[in-house]
Amino acid sequence: MTCNVGKIDRVIRGVVGVAVLAWGIMNGNIIADVVGAVLLFTAIIGWCPPYALLGINTGCKVKND
């Protein structure tokens, strides 16, 4: 897995992920919990599977060896 999520994208995903996860926990909404956890996880690891499938890279440096 190579990084395909840039800094700004990671910050936005992290903030939105925490907010959605907190909202889901407070309201007992499992779908919101899953969505928030996925957003938070992709922000932490810096890799997004749909981005990889579509060839999207939002700012990570890619080394060309």
Protein backbone atom coordinates (compact mmCIF):
# COMPACT_ATOMS: atom_id res chain seq x y z
CA MET A 1 0.00 0.00 0.00
CA THR A 2 1.40 3.34 -1.01
CA CYS A 3 0.13 6.63 0.27
CA ASN A 4 -2.60 8.14 -1.92
CA VAL A 5 -4.24 10.56 0.54
CA GLY A 6 -2.64 14.00 0.97
CA LYS A 7 -2.33 16.06 4.17
CA ILE A 8 -5.39 18.24 3.64
CA ASP A 9 -7.49 15.23 2.65
CA ARG A 10 -6.27 13.34 5.75
CA VAL A 11 -7.17 16.24 8.07
CA ILE A 12 -10.64 16.58 6.54
CA ARG A 13 -11.21 12.81 6.76
CA GLY A 14 -10.01 12.77 10.37
CA VAL A 15 -12.25 15.63 11.50
CA VAL A 16 -15.31 14.35 9.65
CA GLY A 17 -14.59 10.78 10.78
CA VAL A 18 -14.44 11.76 14.45
CA ALA A 19 -17.62 13.85 14.13
CA VAL A 20 -19.59 11.10 12.35
CA LEU A 21 -18.31 8.44 14.75
CA ALA A 22 -19.26 10.55 17.78
CA TRP A 23 -22.69 11.29 16.32
CA GLY A 24 -23.23 7.60 15.60
CA ILE A 25 -22.25 6.59 19.12
CA MET A 26 -24.51 9.22 20.70
CA ASN A 27 -27.50 8.20 18.56
CA GLY A 28 -26.89 4.46 18.42
CA ASN A 29 -26.50 4.52 14.64
CA ILE A 30 -24.29 1.62 13.53
CA ILE A 31 -24.01 2.80 9.92
CA ALA A 32 -22.67 6.18 11.05
CA ASP A 33 -20.22 4.36 13.35
CA VAL A 34 -18.88 2.30 10.45
CA VAL A 35 -18.61 5.28 8.10
CA GLY A 36 -16.86 7.36 10.76
CA ALA A 37 -14.46 4.54 11.61
CA VAL A 38 -13.58 3.98 7.94
CA LEU A 39 -12.92 7.69 7.41
CA LEU A 40 -10.78 7.84 10.53
CA PHE A 41 -8.87 4.67 9.59
CA THR A 42 -8.11 5.89 6.06
CA ALA A 43 -6.96 9.23 7.49
CA ILE A 44 -4.57 7.47 9.88
CA ILE A 45 -3.04 5.07 7.36
CA GLY A 46 -3.05 7.53 4.43
CA TRP A 47 -4.45 5.03 1.92
CA CYS A 48 -7.92 4.87 0.42
CA PRO A 49 -8.99 1.75 -1.54
CA PRO A 50 -11.40 3.59 -3.91
CA TYR A 51 -8.66 6.13 -4.67
CA ALA A 52 -6.31 3.27 -5.52
CA LEU A 53 -8.88 1.69 -7.86
CA LEU A 54 -9.54 4.98 -9.62
CA GLY A 55 -5.89 6.09 -9.75
CA ILE A 56 -6.48 9.18 -7.60
CA ASN A 57 -3.65 10.70 -5.57
CA THR A 58 -4.44 13.85 -3.56
CA GLY A 59 -0.94 14.94 -2.73
CA CYS A 60 1.36 12.17 -1.51
CA LYS A 61 4.84 12.13 -2.94
CA VAL A 62 5.31 9.10 -5.17
CA LYS A 63 8.85 7.88 -5.69
CA ASN A 64 9.72 6.88 -9.24
CA ASP A 65 12.48 4.29 -8.97
